[in-house]
């Protein structure tokens, strides 16, 4: 069975990600830290990602976003103060959720590619203060995608 055979005539793992998304992923990987990424870039990325997902229904994005917001709330909540290590662990376990969403609906792959690169970058933060700022910027990126997705 070749890489284009199977259900639908192709294997979803071999679908090429858009060049704009590749550029965003490479910028995230090249950044020294997620905190070094400018807020303007994050807003622009949100708009670009949302533009690539015009045919994706809002509930598919919201399912992923709600998990991220739950993590964010658990991290900043006074009642349930979680350690940085616990949040990093839960962030890494978001990757299977992203893979599942991507395999069910290939149109969400731009969002998943950027989130996976972001999770990799954030989970490598050593300093707790930098981790918090990076994680907050990550949440802001997700919020920007949700907001701009409504526009499209």
N, C-alpha and C. Protein backbone atom coordinates (compact mmCIF):
# COMPACT_ATOMS: atom_id res chain seq x y z
N UNK A 1 0.85 -1.17 0.00
CA UNK A 1 0.00 0.00 0.00
C UNK A 1 0.90 1.24 0.00
N UNK A 2 0.72 2.09 -1.01
CA UNK A 2 1.55 3.29 -1.06
C UNK A 2 0.98 4.39 -0.19
N UNK A 3 1.66 5.50 -0.11
CA UNK A 3 1.25 6.55 0.80
C UNK A 3 -0.02 7.28 0.38
N UNK A 4 -0.47 7.09 -0.85
CA UNK A 4 -1.69 7.74 -1.30
C UNK A 4 -2.88 6.79 -1.32
N UNK A 5 -2.69 5.57 -0.88
CA UNK A 5 -3.80 4.62 -0.89
C UNK A 5 -4.51 4.64 0.46
N UNK A 6 -5.57 3.93 0.55
CA UNK A 6 -6.34 3.89 1.79
C UNK A 6 -7.60 4.70 1.65
N UNK A 7 -8.25 4.94 2.75
CA UNK A 7 -9.52 5.66 2.75
C UNK A 7 -9.34 7.07 2.22
N UNK A 8 -10.13 7.43 1.24
CA UNK A 8 -10.06 8.77 0.69
C UNK A 8 -8.98 8.93 -0.37
N UNK A 9 -8.21 7.90 -0.65
CA UNK A 9 -7.20 7.95 -1.69
C UNK A 9 -5.86 8.50 -1.25
N UNK A 10 -5.72 8.93 -0.02
CA UNK A 10 -4.43 9.41 0.46
C UNK A 10 -4.34 9.22 1.96
N UNK A 11 -3.13 9.22 2.44
CA UNK A 11 -2.88 9.10 3.87
C UNK A 11 -2.74 10.51 4.42
N UNK A 12 -3.53 10.88 5.41
CA UNK A 12 -3.54 12.24 5.93
C UNK A 12 -2.20 12.67 6.50
N UNK A 13 -1.37 11.73 6.90
CA UNK A 13 -0.07 12.09 7.46
C UNK A 13 0.84 12.73 6.44
N UNK A 14 0.56 12.53 5.15
CA UNK A 14 1.43 13.05 4.11
C UNK A 14 0.90 14.33 3.47
N UNK A 15 -0.18 14.87 3.99
CA UNK A 15 -0.69 16.13 3.47
C UNK A 15 0.26 17.24 3.92
N UNK A 16 0.69 18.05 2.99
CA UNK A 16 1.66 19.09 3.28
C UNK A 16 0.98 20.27 3.97
N UNK A 17 1.61 20.76 5.00
CA UNK A 17 1.09 21.91 5.71
C UNK A 17 1.40 23.16 4.90
N UNK A 18 0.54 24.12 4.95
CA UNK A 18 0.66 25.37 4.22
C UNK A 18 1.98 26.09 4.55
N UNK A 19 2.52 26.84 3.59
CA UNK A 19 3.80 27.53 3.79
C UNK A 19 3.73 28.58 4.90
N UNK A 20 2.59 29.28 4.99
CA UNK A 20 2.46 30.28 6.06
C UNK A 20 2.52 29.61 7.42
N UNK A 21 1.88 28.46 7.54
CA UNK A 21 1.90 27.72 8.81
C UNK A 21 3.30 27.19 9.08
N UNK A 22 3.98 26.70 8.06
CA UNK A 22 5.37 26.25 8.23
C UNK A 22 6.25 27.39 8.73
N UNK A 23 6.01 28.58 8.20
CA UNK A 23 6.79 29.75 8.62
C UNK A 23 6.55 30.06 10.10
N UNK A 24 5.29 29.99 10.52
CA UNK A 24 4.96 30.24 11.93
C UNK A 24 5.62 29.20 12.83
N UNK A 25 5.51 27.93 12.44
CA UNK A 25 6.10 26.85 13.22
C UNK A 25 7.62 27.03 13.32
N UNK A 26 8.25 27.38 12.22
CA UNK A 26 9.70 27.60 12.24
C UNK A 26 10.09 28.79 13.11
N UNK A 27 9.29 29.86 13.09
CA UNK A 27 9.58 31.00 13.96
C UNK A 27 9.47 30.61 15.43
N UNK A 28 8.48 29.79 15.75
CA UNK A 28 8.33 29.33 17.14
C UNK A 28 9.53 28.48 17.53
N UNK A 29 9.94 27.59 16.66
CA UNK A 29 11.08 26.71 16.96
C UNK A 29 12.38 27.49 17.09
N UNK A 30 12.54 28.54 16.28
CA UNK A 30 13.78 29.33 16.31
C UNK A 30 13.84 30.30 17.48
N UNK A 31 12.70 30.65 18.02
CA UNK A 31 12.68 31.63 19.12
C UNK A 31 13.44 31.09 20.32
N UNK A 32 14.18 31.96 20.96
CA UNK A 32 14.93 31.58 22.15
C UNK A 32 13.99 31.12 23.26
N UNK A 33 12.89 31.83 23.38
CA UNK A 33 11.86 31.53 24.36
C UNK A 33 10.54 32.03 23.81
N UNK A 34 9.47 31.45 24.27
CA UNK A 34 8.14 31.90 23.83
C UNK A 34 7.88 33.32 24.31
N UNK A 35 8.54 33.73 25.38
CA UNK A 35 8.38 35.10 25.89
C UNK A 35 9.03 36.11 24.97
N UNK A 36 9.97 35.68 24.14
CA UNK A 36 10.66 36.59 23.23
C UNK A 36 9.84 36.88 21.97
N UNK A 37 8.77 36.15 21.77
CA UNK A 37 7.90 36.38 20.61
C UNK A 37 7.06 37.62 20.88
N UNK A 38 7.04 38.52 19.93
CA UNK A 38 6.33 39.79 20.11
C UNK A 38 4.82 39.58 20.09
N UNK A 39 4.10 40.35 20.90
CA UNK A 39 2.63 40.25 20.90
C UNK A 39 2.01 40.51 19.52
N UNK A 40 2.63 41.43 18.75
CA UNK A 40 2.12 41.70 17.40
C UNK A 40 2.19 40.45 16.53
N UNK A 41 3.26 39.70 16.69
CA UNK A 41 3.41 38.46 15.91
C UNK A 41 2.33 37.46 16.30
N UNK A 42 2.05 37.36 17.57
CA UNK A 42 1.04 36.41 18.04
C UNK A 42 -0.32 36.75 17.46
N UNK A 43 -0.67 38.03 17.43
CA UNK A 43 -1.96 38.46 16.86
C UNK A 43 -1.99 38.16 15.37
N UNK A 44 -0.90 38.46 14.67
CA UNK A 44 -0.83 38.18 13.23
C UNK A 44 -0.94 36.69 12.96
N UNK A 45 -0.27 35.88 13.78
CA UNK A 45 -0.35 34.42 13.62
C UNK A 45 -1.77 33.94 13.83
N UNK A 46 -2.44 34.49 14.83
CA UNK A 46 -3.83 34.11 15.09
C UNK A 46 -4.71 34.35 13.88
N UNK A 47 -4.52 35.49 13.25
CA UNK A 47 -5.31 35.83 12.06
C UNK A 47 -4.97 34.89 10.89
N UNK A 48 -3.69 34.60 10.72
CA UNK A 48 -3.26 33.71 9.64
C UNK A 48 -3.81 32.30 9.83
N UNK A 49 -3.69 31.79 11.04
CA UNK A 49 -4.18 30.43 11.34
C UNK A 49 -5.68 30.35 11.14
N UNK A 50 -6.40 31.35 11.64
CA UNK A 50 -7.86 31.36 11.49
C UNK A 50 -8.27 31.42 10.02
N UNK A 51 -7.51 32.16 9.23
CA UNK A 51 -7.79 32.25 7.80
C UNK A 51 -7.62 30.93 7.07
N UNK A 52 -6.72 30.09 7.57
CA UNK A 52 -6.48 28.78 6.95
C UNK A 52 -7.53 27.75 7.35
N UNK A 53 -8.34 28.09 8.35
CA UNK A 53 -9.32 27.12 8.86
C UNK A 53 -10.75 27.60 8.64
N UNK A 54 -11.01 28.18 7.50
CA UNK A 54 -12.34 28.74 7.24
C UNK A 54 -13.45 27.70 7.30
N UNK A 55 -13.17 26.48 6.89
CA UNK A 55 -14.21 25.45 6.83
C UNK A 55 -14.32 24.61 8.09
N UNK A 56 -13.53 24.94 9.08
CA UNK A 56 -13.58 24.22 10.36
C UNK A 56 -14.68 24.82 11.21
N UNK A 57 -15.48 23.96 11.82
CA UNK A 57 -16.56 24.44 12.68
C UNK A 57 -15.98 24.88 14.02
N UNK A 58 -16.63 25.88 14.60
CA UNK A 58 -16.13 26.49 15.83
C UNK A 58 -16.02 25.48 16.98
N UNK A 59 -16.93 24.52 17.04
CA UNK A 59 -16.90 23.58 18.18
C UNK A 59 -15.65 22.70 18.15
N UNK A 60 -15.09 22.46 16.96
CA UNK A 60 -13.87 21.66 16.86
C UNK A 60 -12.68 22.40 17.46
N UNK A 61 -12.63 23.70 17.23
CA UNK A 61 -11.55 24.51 17.80
C UNK A 61 -11.79 24.71 19.30
N UNK A 62 -13.04 24.94 19.65
CA UNK A 62 -13.38 25.20 21.05
C UNK A 62 -13.10 24.01 21.95
N UNK A 63 -13.22 22.80 21.44
CA UNK A 63 -12.93 21.61 22.25
C UNK A 63 -11.48 21.62 22.70
N UNK A 64 -10.59 21.98 21.80
CA UNK A 64 -9.16 22.08 22.14
C UNK A 64 -8.92 23.29 23.05
N UNK A 65 -9.55 24.40 22.68
CA UNK A 65 -9.36 25.63 23.44
C UNK A 65 -9.87 25.49 24.88
N UNK A 66 -10.96 24.78 25.07
CA UNK A 66 -11.49 24.62 26.44
C UNK A 66 -10.51 23.85 27.32
N UNK A 67 -9.81 22.88 26.77
CA UNK A 67 -8.79 22.16 27.54
C UNK A 67 -7.65 23.09 27.93
N UNK A 68 -7.25 23.93 27.00
CA UNK A 68 -6.16 24.87 27.26
C UNK A 68 -6.58 25.88 28.33
N UNK A 69 -7.81 26.39 28.23
CA UNK A 69 -8.30 27.33 29.24
C UNK A 69 -8.44 26.67 30.61
N UNK A 70 -8.82 25.40 30.63
CA UNK A 70 -8.91 24.67 31.90
C UNK A 70 -7.53 24.58 32.55
N UNK A 71 -6.53 24.29 31.74
CA UNK A 71 -5.15 24.25 32.25
C UNK A 71 -4.74 25.62 32.79
N UNK A 72 -5.05 26.64 32.03
CA UNK A 72 -4.69 28.00 32.44
C UNK A 72 -5.37 28.36 33.76
N UNK A 73 -6.65 28.03 33.88
CA UNK A 73 -7.37 28.31 35.12
C UNK A 73 -6.76 27.53 36.29
N UNK A 74 -6.46 26.27 36.08
CA UNK A 74 -5.87 25.45 37.14
C UNK A 74 -4.51 26.00 37.58
N UNK A 75 -3.79 26.59 36.65
CA UNK A 75 -2.46 27.11 36.96
C UNK A 75 -2.54 28.42 37.75
N UNK A 76 -3.50 29.28 37.42
CA UNK A 76 -3.56 30.58 38.08
C UNK A 76 -4.53 30.61 39.26
N UNK A 77 -5.33 29.58 39.40
CA UNK A 77 -6.34 29.55 40.46
C UNK A 77 -5.68 29.49 41.84
N UNK A 78 -6.23 30.23 42.77
CA UNK A 78 -5.70 30.22 44.14
C UNK A 78 -6.12 28.96 44.87
N UNK A 79 -7.30 28.45 44.53
CA UNK A 79 -7.80 27.24 45.19
C UNK A 79 -6.99 26.01 44.78
N UNK A 80 -6.65 25.95 43.51
CA UNK A 80 -5.99 24.77 43.00
C UNK A 80 -4.68 25.16 42.33
N UNK A 81 -3.75 25.58 43.10
CA UNK A 81 -2.44 25.99 42.57
C UNK A 81 -1.65 24.75 42.18
N UNK A 82 -1.46 24.60 40.88
CA UNK A 82 -0.71 23.45 40.38
C UNK A 82 0.73 23.85 40.13
N UNK A 83 1.60 22.91 40.27
CA UNK A 83 3.01 23.20 40.03
C UNK A 83 3.27 23.30 38.53
N UNK A 84 4.39 23.91 38.22
CA UNK A 84 4.79 24.05 36.82
C UNK A 84 4.98 22.68 36.18
N UNK A 85 5.53 21.74 36.92
CA UNK A 85 5.76 20.40 36.39
C UNK A 85 4.43 19.71 36.02
N UNK A 86 3.42 19.90 36.87
CA UNK A 86 2.11 19.29 36.59
C UNK A 86 1.48 19.90 35.34
N UNK A 87 1.59 21.21 35.19
CA UNK A 87 1.03 21.87 34.02
C UNK A 87 1.78 21.44 32.76
N UNK A 88 3.11 21.36 32.85
CA UNK A 88 3.89 20.90 31.70
C UNK A 88 3.46 19.50 31.28
N UNK A 89 3.24 18.63 32.26
CA UNK A 89 2.80 17.27 31.98
C UNK A 89 1.44 17.27 31.27
N UNK A 90 0.51 18.07 31.78
CA UNK A 90 -0.81 18.13 31.17
C UNK A 90 -0.76 18.77 29.78
N UNK A 91 0.15 19.71 29.59
CA UNK A 91 0.34 20.32 28.27
C UNK A 91 0.80 19.27 27.26
N UNK A 92 1.76 18.47 27.67
CA UNK A 92 2.28 17.43 26.78
C UNK A 92 1.19 16.42 26.43
N UNK A 93 0.30 16.15 27.39
CA UNK A 93 -0.79 15.22 27.12
C UNK A 93 -1.88 15.83 26.24
N UNK A 94 -1.75 17.10 25.89
CA UNK A 94 -2.67 17.68 24.90
C UNK A 94 -2.33 17.22 23.49
N UNK A 95 -1.09 16.81 23.28
CA UNK A 95 -0.66 16.38 21.95
C UNK A 95 -1.51 15.22 21.39
N UNK A 96 -1.84 14.20 22.19
CA UNK A 96 -2.72 13.16 21.65
C UNK A 96 -4.11 13.69 21.27
N UNK A 97 -4.63 14.66 22.03
CA UNK A 97 -5.91 15.27 21.69
C UNK A 97 -5.80 15.99 20.35
N UNK A 98 -4.69 16.68 20.14
CA UNK A 98 -4.48 17.37 18.87
C UNK A 98 -4.38 16.38 17.71
N UNK A 99 -3.66 15.28 17.94
CA UNK A 99 -3.53 14.26 16.90
C UNK A 99 -4.89 13.65 16.56
N UNK A 100 -5.68 13.41 17.59
CA UNK A 100 -7.02 12.85 17.37
C UNK A 100 -7.88 13.82 16.56
N UNK A 101 -7.86 15.10 16.94
CA UNK A 101 -8.64 16.10 16.22
C UNK A 101 -8.18 16.23 14.78
N UNK A 102 -6.89 16.17 14.57
CA UNK A 102 -6.33 16.30 13.22
C UNK A 102 -6.69 15.09 12.36
N UNK A 103 -6.69 13.92 12.94
CA UNK A 103 -7.03 12.73 12.17
C UNK A 103 -8.52 12.66 11.84
N UNK A 104 -9.34 13.22 12.70
CA UNK A 104 -10.79 13.25 12.43
C UNK A 104 -11.14 14.30 11.39
N UNK A 105 -10.49 15.44 11.48
CA UNK A 105 -10.80 16.56 10.58
C UNK A 105 -9.49 17.20 10.14
N UNK A 106 -9.06 16.90 8.93
CA UNK A 106 -7.76 17.34 8.44
C UNK A 106 -7.68 18.87 8.29
N UNK A 107 -8.82 19.53 8.20
CA UNK A 107 -8.82 20.99 8.01
C UNK A 107 -8.31 21.74 9.23
N UNK A 108 -8.25 21.07 10.36
CA UNK A 108 -7.78 21.71 11.60
C UNK A 108 -6.26 21.58 11.77
N UNK A 109 -5.60 20.94 10.82
CA UNK A 109 -4.16 20.69 10.94
C UNK A 109 -3.30 21.95 11.08
N UNK A 110 -3.64 23.12 10.48
CA UNK A 110 -2.81 24.31 10.73
C UNK A 110 -2.77 24.68 12.21
N UNK A 111 -3.91 24.63 12.86
CA UNK A 111 -4.01 24.95 14.28
C UNK A 111 -3.20 23.94 15.10
N UNK A 112 -3.35 22.68 14.77
CA UNK A 112 -2.66 21.62 15.52
C UNK A 112 -1.14 21.71 15.36
N UNK A 113 -0.68 22.02 14.16
CA UNK A 113 0.77 22.12 13.92
C UNK A 113 1.39 23.23 14.75
N UNK A 114 0.72 24.39 14.80
CA UNK A 114 1.23 25.51 15.58
C UNK A 114 1.17 25.20 17.07
N UNK A 115 0.08 24.58 17.52
CA UNK A 115 -0.04 24.26 18.94
C UNK A 115 1.01 23.25 19.38
N UNK A 116 1.28 22.26 18.55
CA UNK A 116 2.30 21.27 18.91
C UNK A 116 3.68 21.91 19.03
N UNK A 117 4.02 22.79 18.09
CA UNK A 117 5.31 23.48 18.17
C UNK A 117 5.36 24.37 19.41
N UNK A 118 4.25 25.01 19.73
CA UNK A 118 4.17 25.87 20.91
C UNK A 118 4.32 25.05 22.19
N UNK A 119 3.65 23.92 22.26
CA UNK A 119 3.74 23.06 23.44
C UNK A 119 5.18 22.59 23.64
N UNK A 120 5.84 22.21 22.55
CA UNK A 120 7.24 21.78 22.65
C UNK A 120 8.12 22.90 23.21
N UNK A 121 7.90 24.12 22.71
CA UNK A 121 8.71 25.26 23.15
C UNK A 121 8.43 25.61 24.61
N UNK A 122 7.16 25.64 24.99
CA UNK A 122 6.79 26.03 26.35
C UNK A 122 7.23 24.98 27.37
N UNK A 123 7.11 23.73 27.02
CA UNK A 123 7.45 22.67 27.98
C UNK A 123 8.95 22.61 28.28
N UNK A 124 9.77 23.29 27.47
CA UNK A 124 11.22 23.31 27.71
C UNK A 124 11.67 24.51 28.55
N UNK A 125 10.73 25.36 28.94
CA UNK A 125 11.07 26.51 29.78
C UNK A 125 11.54 26.02 31.14
N UNK A 126 12.70 26.47 31.57
CA UNK A 126 13.25 26.03 32.85
C UNK A 126 12.79 26.92 34.00
N UNK A 127 12.79 28.20 33.78
CA UNK A 127 12.43 29.17 34.80
C UNK A 127 10.91 29.23 34.96
N UNK A 128 10.42 29.19 36.19
CA UNK A 128 8.97 29.18 36.43
C UNK A 128 8.31 30.47 35.98
N UNK A 129 8.97 31.61 36.18
CA UNK A 129 8.41 32.88 35.75
C UNK A 129 8.30 32.94 34.23
N UNK A 130 9.35 32.50 33.53
CA UNK A 130 9.30 32.45 32.06
C UNK A 130 8.23 31.48 31.58
N UNK A 131 8.08 30.38 32.30
CA UNK A 131 7.05 29.40 31.92
C UNK A 131 5.67 30.04 32.00
N UNK A 132 5.41 30.75 33.08
CA UNK A 132 4.10 31.38 33.23
C UNK A 132 3.84 32.38 32.11
N UNK A 133 4.83 33.22 31.81
CA UNK A 133 4.67 34.22 30.75
C UNK A 133 4.51 33.56 29.39
N UNK A 134 5.26 32.48 29.15
CA UNK A 134 5.13 31.75 27.89
C UNK A 134 3.76 31.10 27.76
N UNK A 135 3.33 30.49 28.84
CA UNK A 135 2.03 29.82 28.83
C UNK A 135 0.91 30.84 28.62
N UNK A 136 1.04 32.01 29.22
CA UNK A 136 0.05 33.07 29.04
C UNK A 136 0.01 33.53 27.58
N UNK A 137 1.17 33.66 26.96
CA UNK A 137 1.21 34.05 25.54
C UNK A 137 0.60 32.97 24.66
N UNK A 138 0.82 31.72 25.02
CA UNK A 138 0.24 30.59 24.30
C UNK A 138 -1.29 30.67 24.35
N UNK A 139 -1.83 30.96 25.51
CA UNK A 139 -3.28 31.11 25.68
C UNK A 139 -3.78 32.28 24.84
N UNK A 140 -3.03 33.36 24.82
CA UNK A 140 -3.41 34.53 24.01
C UNK A 140 -3.43 34.19 22.52
N UNK A 141 -2.50 33.36 22.07
CA UNK A 141 -2.52 32.92 20.67
C UNK A 141 -3.80 32.14 20.37
N UNK A 142 -4.16 31.25 21.26
CA UNK A 142 -5.39 30.47 21.07
C UNK A 142 -6.62 31.37 21.06
N UNK A 143 -6.63 32.37 21.94
CA UNK A 143 -7.74 33.32 21.97
C UNK A 143 -7.82 34.11 20.68
N UNK A 144 -6.67 34.48 20.12
CA UNK A 144 -6.65 35.22 18.86
C UNK A 144 -7.21 34.37 17.72
N UNK A 145 -6.84 33.10 17.71
CA UNK A 145 -7.35 32.20 16.67
C UNK A 145 -8.87 32.11 16.76
N UNK A 146 -9.39 31.93 17.98
CA UNK A 146 -10.84 31.83 18.18
C UNK A 146 -11.53 33.13 17.72
N UNK A 147 -10.97 34.25 18.11
CA UNK A 147 -11.59 35.54 17.76
C UNK A 147 -11.60 35.76 16.25
N UNK A 148 -10.47 35.51 15.59
CA UNK A 148 -10.42 35.72 14.15
C UNK A 148 -11.19 34.66 13.37
N UNK A 149 -11.33 33.48 13.95
CA UNK A 149 -12.10 32.44 13.27
C UNK A 149 -13.54 32.88 13.11
N UNK A 150 -14.06 33.60 14.10
CA UNK A 150 -15.43 34.14 14.01
C UNK A 150 -15.55 35.11 12.83
N UNK A 151 -14.45 35.83 12.55
CA UNK A 151 -14.46 36.81 11.46
C UNK A 151 -14.60 36.13 10.11
N UNK A 152 -13.99 34.96 9.98
CA UNK A 152 -14.04 34.25 8.70
C UNK A 152 -15.25 33.37 8.66
